[in-house]
Protein backbone atom coordinates (compact mmCIF):
# COMPACT_ATOMS: atom_id res chain seq x y z
CA UNK A 1 0.00 0.00 0.00
CA UNK A 2 1.29 3.45 -0.91
CA UNK A 3 1.44 5.93 1.92
CA UNK A 4 -0.30 9.25 1.37
CA UNK A 5 0.84 12.61 2.66
CA UNK A 6 -0.95 15.91 2.77
CA UNK A 7 0.79 19.06 1.57
CA UNK A 8 -0.91 22.28 2.55
CA UNK A 9 -0.19 25.49 0.60
CA UNK A 10 1.26 28.36 2.64
CA UNK A 11 0.54 30.76 -0.21
CA UNK A 12 0.35 31.14 -3.97
CA UNK A 13 2.49 32.47 -6.77
CA UNK A 14 1.12 35.61 -8.42
CA UNK A 15 2.65 35.85 -11.85
CA UNK A 16 2.01 37.37 -15.26
CA UNK A 17 2.27 33.82 -16.64
CA UNK A 18 -1.29 32.50 -16.99
CA UNK A 19 -0.63 29.31 -18.94
CA UNK A 20 2.15 26.76 -18.47
CA UNK A 21 3.05 27.11 -22.15
CA UNK A 22 3.95 30.76 -21.50
CA UNK A 23 6.33 30.03 -18.62
CA UNK A 24 10.00 30.76 -19.19
CA UNK A 25 12.08 27.57 -19.52
CA UNK A 26 14.24 28.47 -16.54
CA UNK A 27 13.01 31.50 -14.60
CA UNK A 28 16.34 32.01 -12.89
CA UNK A 29 18.16 32.34 -16.22
CA UNK A 30 15.67 34.91 -17.46
CA UNK A 31 15.48 36.82 -14.15
CA UNK A 32 11.70 36.45 -14.24
CA UNK A 33 9.89 38.11 -11.28
CA UNK A 34 6.75 37.02 -9.46
CA UNK A 35 5.07 37.58 -6.09
CA UNK A 36 4.67 34.94 -3.42
CA UNK A 37 1.42 35.82 -1.67
CA UNK A 38 1.50 34.20 1.78
CA UNK A 39 -1.76 33.24 3.47
CA UNK A 40 -2.68 35.22 6.58
CA UNK A 41 -2.49 32.18 8.88
CA UNK A 42 1.25 31.91 8.07
CA UNK A 43 2.09 35.58 8.69
CA UNK A 44 4.14 34.75 11.80
CA UNK A 45 6.21 32.26 9.77
CA UNK A 46 7.73 34.99 7.56
CA UNK A 47 9.05 37.01 10.51
CA UNK A 48 12.81 37.35 10.06
CA UNK A 49 12.80 36.62 6.34
CA UNK A 50 13.69 40.23 5.49
CA UNK A 51 17.31 39.60 6.49
CA UNK A 52 17.82 37.07 3.69
CA UNK A 53 18.66 38.05 0.11
CA UNK A 54 18.29 34.55 -1.33
CA UNK A 55 15.55 32.03 -0.54
CA UNK A 56 14.69 28.43 -1.35
CA UNK A 57 11.06 28.14 -2.48
CA UNK A 58 9.21 24.86 -2.96
CA UNK A 59 6.05 24.81 -5.07
CA UNK A 60 3.50 22.16 -5.97
CA UNK A 61 3.26 22.15 -9.76
CA UNK A 62 -0.50 21.68 -9.77
CA UNK A 63 -0.81 21.71 -13.57
CA UNK A 64 1.87 19.06 -14.15
CA UNK A 65 1.13 15.49 -15.17
CA UNK A 66 1.79 12.94 -12.43
CA UNK A 67 1.66 9.81 -14.60
CA UNK A 68 4.47 10.60 -17.04
CA UNK A 69 7.71 8.82 -16.14
CA UNK A 70 9.81 9.61 -19.21
CA UNK A 71 10.17 12.75 -21.30
CA UNK A 72 12.34 14.13 -24.07
CA UNK A 73 14.65 16.57 -22.21
CA UNK A 74 13.66 20.21 -22.78
CA UNK A 75 10.74 18.97 -24.91
CA UNK A 76 13.13 18.18 -27.77
CA UNK A 77 11.88 15.04 -29.59
CA UNK A 78 15.33 14.51 -31.13
CA UNK A 79 16.70 13.79 -27.66
CA UNK A 80 16.16 10.28 -26.27
CA UNK A 81 13.43 9.57 -23.74
CA UNK A 82 14.81 10.06 -20.25
CA UNK A 83 13.35 9.22 -16.84
CA UNK A 84 11.87 12.31 -15.21
CA UNK A 85 14.22 11.99 -12.22
CA UNK A 86 17.06 12.69 -14.66
CA UNK A 87 15.42 15.87 -15.95
CA UNK A 88 14.00 19.15 -14.69
CA UNK A 89 10.58 18.40 -16.15
CA UNK A 90 7.59 19.44 -14.01
CA UNK A 91 5.91 16.14 -14.95
CA UNK A 92 6.75 13.68 -12.16
CA UNK A 93 5.02 11.48 -9.58
CA UNK A 94 5.16 14.25 -6.97
CA UNK A 95 5.36 17.49 -8.93
CA UNK A 96 7.44 19.55 -6.53
CA UNK A 97 9.63 22.32 -7.89
CA UNK A 98 12.52 23.83 -5.96
CA UNK A 99 13.67 27.33 -6.76
CA UNK A 100 16.58 29.41 -5.52
CA UNK A 101 15.27 32.96 -5.78
CA UNK A 102 16.40 36.47 -4.98
CA UNK A 103 14.16 38.33 -2.54
CA UNK A 104 13.52 41.67 -4.27
CA UNK A 105 10.92 43.14 -1.93
CA UNK A 106 8.79 42.24 1.08
CA UNK A 107 5.59 44.13 1.69
CA UNK A 108 3.20 42.67 4.22
CA UNK A 109 2.49 39.11 3.13
CA UNK A 110 3.80 39.62 -0.41
CA UNK A 111 7.33 38.59 -1.30
CA UNK A 112 8.53 39.77 -4.70
CA UNK A 113 11.12 37.30 -5.94
CA UNK A 114 13.31 36.97 -9.01
CA UNK A 115 14.08 33.60 -10.57
CA UNK A 116 10.83 31.65 -10.44
CA UNK A 117 9.03 30.42 -13.56
CA UNK A 118 5.76 29.24 -12.01
CA UNK A 119 2.30 29.89 -13.43
CA UNK A 120 -0.08 32.26 -11.62
CA UNK A 121 -1.90 30.38 -8.86
CA UNK A 122 0.82 27.77 -8.27
CA UNK A 123 0.73 26.66 -4.62
CA UNK A 124 3.78 27.55 -2.52
CA UNK A 125 4.44 24.80 0.04
CA UNK A 126 7.63 25.99 1.78
CA UNK A 127 10.18 28.80 1.98
CA UNK A 128 13.62 28.61 3.57
CA UNK A 129 16.62 30.91 3.62
CA UNK A 130 19.36 29.91 1.19
CA UNK A 131 22.67 29.49 3.01
CA UNK A 132 25.55 29.28 0.54
CA UNK A 133 27.86 27.14 2.69
CA UNK A 134 25.07 24.59 3.12
CA UNK A 135 23.16 24.81 -0.16
CA UNK A 136 25.76 25.41 -2.86
C-alpha atoms as a PDB file:
ATOM      1  CA  UNK A   1       0.000   0.000   0.000  1.00  0.00           C
ATOM      2  CA  UNK A   2       1.290   3.452  -0.906  1.00  0.00           C
ATOM      3  CA  UNK A   3       1.442   5.929   1.920  1.00  0.00           C
ATOM      4  CA  UNK A   4      -0.298   9.247   1.367  1.00  0.00           C
ATOM      5  CA  UNK A   5       0.844  12.608   2.657  1.00  0.00           C
ATOM      6  CA  UNK A   6      -0.953  15.914   2.771  1.00  0.00           C
ATOM      7  CA  UNK A   7       0.786  19.062   1.569  1.00  0.00           C
ATOM      8  CA  UNK A   8      -0.913  22.285   2.548  1.00  0.00           C
ATOM      9  CA  UNK A   9      -0.191  25.492   0.602  1.00  0.00           C
ATOM     10  CA  UNK A  10       1.263  28.363   2.637  1.00  0.00           C
ATOM     11  CA  UNK A  11       0.537  30.760  -0.213  1.00  0.00           C
ATOM     12  CA  UNK A  12       0.345  31.138  -3.971  1.00  0.00           C
ATOM     13  CA  UNK A  13       2.492  32.471  -6.775  1.00  0.00           C
ATOM     14  CA  UNK A  14       1.119  35.609  -8.422  1.00  0.00           C
ATOM     15  CA  UNK A  15       2.650  35.854 -11.854  1.00  0.00           C
ATOM     16  CA  UNK A  16       2.008  37.369 -15.260  1.00  0.00           C
ATOM     17  CA  UNK A  17       2.269  33.821 -16.644  1.00  0.00           C
ATOM     18  CA  UNK A  18      -1.293  32.502 -16.985  1.00  0.00           C
ATOM     19  CA  UNK A  19      -0.629  29.306 -18.945  1.00  0.00           C
ATOM     20  CA  UNK A  20       2.148  26.758 -18.467  1.00  0.00           C
ATOM     21  CA  UNK A  21       3.054  27.110 -22.148  1.00  0.00           C
ATOM     22  CA  UNK A  22       3.948  30.764 -21.497  1.00  0.00           C
ATOM     23  CA  UNK A  23       6.331  30.033 -18.619  1.00  0.00           C
ATOM     24  CA  UNK A  24      10.004  30.762 -19.187  1.00  0.00           C
ATOM     25  CA  UNK A  25      12.076  27.572 -19.523  1.00  0.00           C
ATOM     26  CA  UNK A  26      14.243  28.468 -16.535  1.00  0.00           C
ATOM     27  CA  UNK A  27      13.005  31.498 -14.596  1.00  0.00           C
ATOM     28  CA  UNK A  28      16.345  32.011 -12.891  1.00  0.00           C
ATOM     29  CA  UNK A  29      18.156  32.335 -16.217  1.00  0.00           C
ATOM     30  CA  UNK A  30      15.674  34.910 -17.465  1.00  0.00           C
ATOM     31  CA  UNK A  31      15.484  36.816 -14.151  1.00  0.00           C
ATOM     32  CA  UNK A  32      11.700  36.449 -14.236  1.00  0.00           C
ATOM     33  CA  UNK A  33       9.893  38.105 -11.283  1.00  0.00           C
ATOM     34  CA  UNK A  34       6.751  37.016  -9.459  1.00  0.00           C
ATOM     35  CA  UNK A  35       5.074  37.578  -6.092  1.00  0.00           C
ATOM     36  CA  UNK A  36       4.665  34.937  -3.417  1.00  0.00           C
ATOM     37  CA  UNK A  37       1.421  35.817  -1.665  1.00  0.00           C
ATOM     38  CA  UNK A  38       1.498  34.198   1.777  1.00  0.00           C
ATOM     39  CA  UNK A  39      -1.759  33.238   3.468  1.00  0.00           C
ATOM     40  CA  UNK A  40      -2.680  35.219   6.585  1.00  0.00           C
ATOM     41  CA  UNK A  41      -2.487  32.181   8.882  1.00  0.00           C
ATOM     42  CA  UNK A  42       1.252  31.911   8.071  1.00  0.00           C
ATOM     43  CA  UNK A  43       2.089  35.582   8.693  1.00  0.00           C
ATOM     44  CA  UNK A  44       4.141  34.748  11.797  1.00  0.00           C
ATOM     45  CA  UNK A  45       6.209  32.265   9.771  1.00  0.00           C
ATOM     46  CA  UNK A  46       7.729  34.988   7.561  1.00  0.00           C
ATOM     47  CA  UNK A  47       9.049  37.015  10.508  1.00  0.00           C
ATOM     48  CA  UNK A  48      12.809  37.354  10.061  1.00  0.00           C
ATOM     49  CA  UNK A  49      12.805  36.624   6.338  1.00  0.00           C
ATOM     50  CA  UNK A  50      13.688  40.233   5.486  1.00  0.00           C
ATOM     51  CA  UNK A  51      17.310  39.599   6.491  1.00  0.00           C
ATOM     52  CA  UNK A  52      17.822  37.071   3.691  1.00  0.00           C
ATOM     53  CA  UNK A  53      18.658  38.050   0.115  1.00  0.00           C
ATOM     54  CA  UNK A  54      18.288  34.555  -1.328  1.00  0.00           C
ATOM     55  CA  UNK A  55      15.551  32.031  -0.540  1.00  0.00           C
ATOM     56  CA  UNK A  56      14.690  28.433  -1.352  1.00  0.00           C
ATOM     57  CA  UNK A  57      11.057  28.142  -2.485  1.00  0.00           C
ATOM     58  CA  UNK A  58       9.212  24.864  -2.962  1.00  0.00           C
ATOM     59  CA  UNK A  59       6.051  24.809  -5.070  1.00  0.00           C
ATOM     60  CA  UNK A  60       3.504  22.161  -5.972  1.00  0.00           C
ATOM     61  CA  UNK A  61       3.260  22.146  -9.761  1.00  0.00           C
ATOM     62  CA  UNK A  62      -0.503  21.680  -9.775  1.00  0.00           C
ATOM     63  CA  UNK A  63      -0.815  21.707 -13.571  1.00  0.00           C
ATOM     64  CA  UNK A  64       1.866  19.061 -14.153  1.00  0.00           C
ATOM     65  CA  UNK A  65       1.135  15.488 -15.168  1.00  0.00           C
ATOM     66  CA  UNK A  66       1.793  12.937 -12.431  1.00  0.00           C
ATOM     67  CA  UNK A  67       1.664   9.810 -14.602  1.00  0.00           C
ATOM     68  CA  UNK A  68       4.474  10.599 -17.040  1.00  0.00           C
ATOM     69  CA  UNK A  69       7.710   8.824 -16.138  1.00  0.00           C
ATOM     70  CA  UNK A  70       9.809   9.608 -19.210  1.00  0.00           C
ATOM     71  CA  UNK A  71      10.174  12.753 -21.302  1.00  0.00           C
ATOM     72  CA  UNK A  72      12.341  14.129 -24.071  1.00  0.00           C
ATOM     73  CA  UNK A  73      14.647  16.574 -22.214  1.00  0.00           C
ATOM     74  CA  UNK A  74      13.661  20.209 -22.778  1.00  0.00           C
ATOM     75  CA  UNK A  75      10.741  18.967 -24.911  1.00  0.00           C
ATOM     76  CA  UNK A  76      13.131  18.176 -27.774  1.00  0.00           C
ATOM     77  CA  UNK A  77      11.878  15.036 -29.595  1.00  0.00           C
ATOM     78  CA  UNK A  78      15.331  14.512 -31.130  1.00  0.00           C
ATOM     79  CA  UNK A  79      16.704  13.786 -27.659  1.00  0.00           C
ATOM     80  CA  UNK A  80      16.159  10.283 -26.267  1.00  0.00           C
ATOM     81  CA  UNK A  81      13.429   9.568 -23.739  1.00  0.00           C
ATOM     82  CA  UNK A  82      14.814  10.061 -20.247  1.00  0.00           C
ATOM     83  CA  UNK A  83      13.348   9.222 -16.842  1.00  0.00           C
ATOM     84  CA  UNK A  84      11.866  12.310 -15.209  1.00  0.00           C
ATOM     85  CA  UNK A  85      14.221  11.985 -12.222  1.00  0.00           C
ATOM     86  CA  UNK A  86      17.064  12.687 -14.658  1.00  0.00           C
ATOM     87  CA  UNK A  87      15.425  15.871 -15.953  1.00  0.00           C
ATOM     88  CA  UNK A  88      13.996  19.150 -14.692  1.00  0.00           C
ATOM     89  CA  UNK A  89      10.577  18.400 -16.154  1.00  0.00           C
ATOM     90  CA  UNK A  90       7.590  19.442 -14.005  1.00  0.00           C
ATOM     91  CA  UNK A  91       5.914  16.136 -14.954  1.00  0.00           C
ATOM     92  CA  UNK A  92       6.752  13.681 -12.163  1.00  0.00           C
ATOM     93  CA  UNK A  93       5.016  11.477  -9.585  1.00  0.00           C
ATOM     94  CA  UNK A  94       5.161  14.253  -6.967  1.00  0.00           C
ATOM     95  CA  UNK A  95       5.365  17.491  -8.931  1.00  0.00           C
ATOM     96  CA  UNK A  96       7.437  19.548  -6.534  1.00  0.00           C
ATOM     97  CA  UNK A  97       9.630  22.315  -7.890  1.00  0.00           C
ATOM     98  CA  UNK A  98      12.519  23.829  -5.960  1.00  0.00           C
ATOM     99  CA  UNK A  99      13.674  27.333  -6.757  1.00  0.00           C
ATOM    100  CA  UNK A 100      16.583  29.410  -5.522  1.00  0.00           C
ATOM    101  CA  UNK A 101      15.273  32.961  -5.775  1.00  0.00           C
ATOM    102  CA  UNK A 102      16.395  36.469  -4.977  1.00  0.00           C
ATOM    103  CA  UNK A 103      14.163  38.331  -2.537  1.00  0.00           C
ATOM    104  CA  UNK A 104      13.520  41.666  -4.272  1.00  0.00           C
ATOM    105  CA  UNK A 105      10.919  43.138  -1.930  1.00  0.00           C
ATOM    106  CA  UNK A 106       8.786  42.237   1.076  1.00  0.00           C
ATOM    107  CA  UNK A 107       5.585  44.131   1.691  1.00  0.00           C
ATOM    108  CA  UNK A 108       3.198  42.666   4.218  1.00  0.00           C
ATOM    109  CA  UNK A 109       2.493  39.107   3.126  1.00  0.00           C
ATOM    110  CA  UNK A 110       3.802  39.620  -0.414  1.00  0.00           C
ATOM    111  CA  UNK A 111       7.332  38.594  -1.302  1.00  0.00           C
ATOM    112  CA  UNK A 112       8.526  39.775  -4.700  1.00  0.00           C
ATOM    113  CA  UNK A 113      11.124  37.302  -5.937  1.00  0.00           C
ATOM    114  CA  UNK A 114      13.313  36.968  -9.008  1.00  0.00           C
ATOM    115  CA  UNK A 115      14.080  33.600 -10.567  1.00  0.00           C
ATOM    116  CA  UNK A 116      10.834  31.646 -10.441  1.00  0.00           C
ATOM    117  CA  UNK A 117       9.025  30.422 -13.563  1.00  0.00           C
ATOM    118  CA  UNK A 118       5.762  29.245 -12.006  1.00  0.00           C
ATOM    119  CA  UNK A 119       2.303  29.894 -13.431  1.00  0.00           C
ATOM    120  CA  UNK A 120      -0.078  32.256 -11.623  1.00  0.00           C
ATOM    121  CA  UNK A 121      -1.903  30.375  -8.861  1.00  0.00           C
ATOM    122  CA  UNK A 122       0.819  27.774  -8.273  1.00  0.00           C
ATOM    123  CA  UNK A 123       0.731  26.665  -4.616  1.00  0.00           C
ATOM    124  CA  UNK A 124       3.777  27.552  -2.518  1.00  0.00           C
ATOM    125  CA  UNK A 125       4.438  24.804   0.042  1.00  0.00           C
ATOM    126  CA  UNK A 126       7.626  25.991   1.779  1.00  0.00           C
ATOM    127  CA  UNK A 127      10.179  28.797   1.977  1.00  0.00           C
ATOM    128  CA  UNK A 128      13.619  28.610   3.574  1.00  0.00           C
ATOM    129  CA  UNK A 129      16.619  30.914   3.617  1.00  0.00           C
ATOM    130  CA  UNK A 130      19.359  29.909   1.187  1.00  0.00           C
ATOM    131  CA  UNK A 131      22.668  29.488   3.011  1.00  0.00           C
ATOM    132  CA  UNK A 132      25.552  29.284   0.542  1.00  0.00           C
ATOM    133  CA  UNK A 133      27.857  27.142   2.692  1.00  0.00           C
ATOM    134  CA  UNK A 134      25.072  24.586   3.115  1.00  0.00           C
ATOM    135  CA  UNK A 135      23.162  24.810  -0.161  1.00  0.00           C
ATOM    136  CA  UNK A 136      25.765  25.415  -2.863  1.00  0.00           C
END
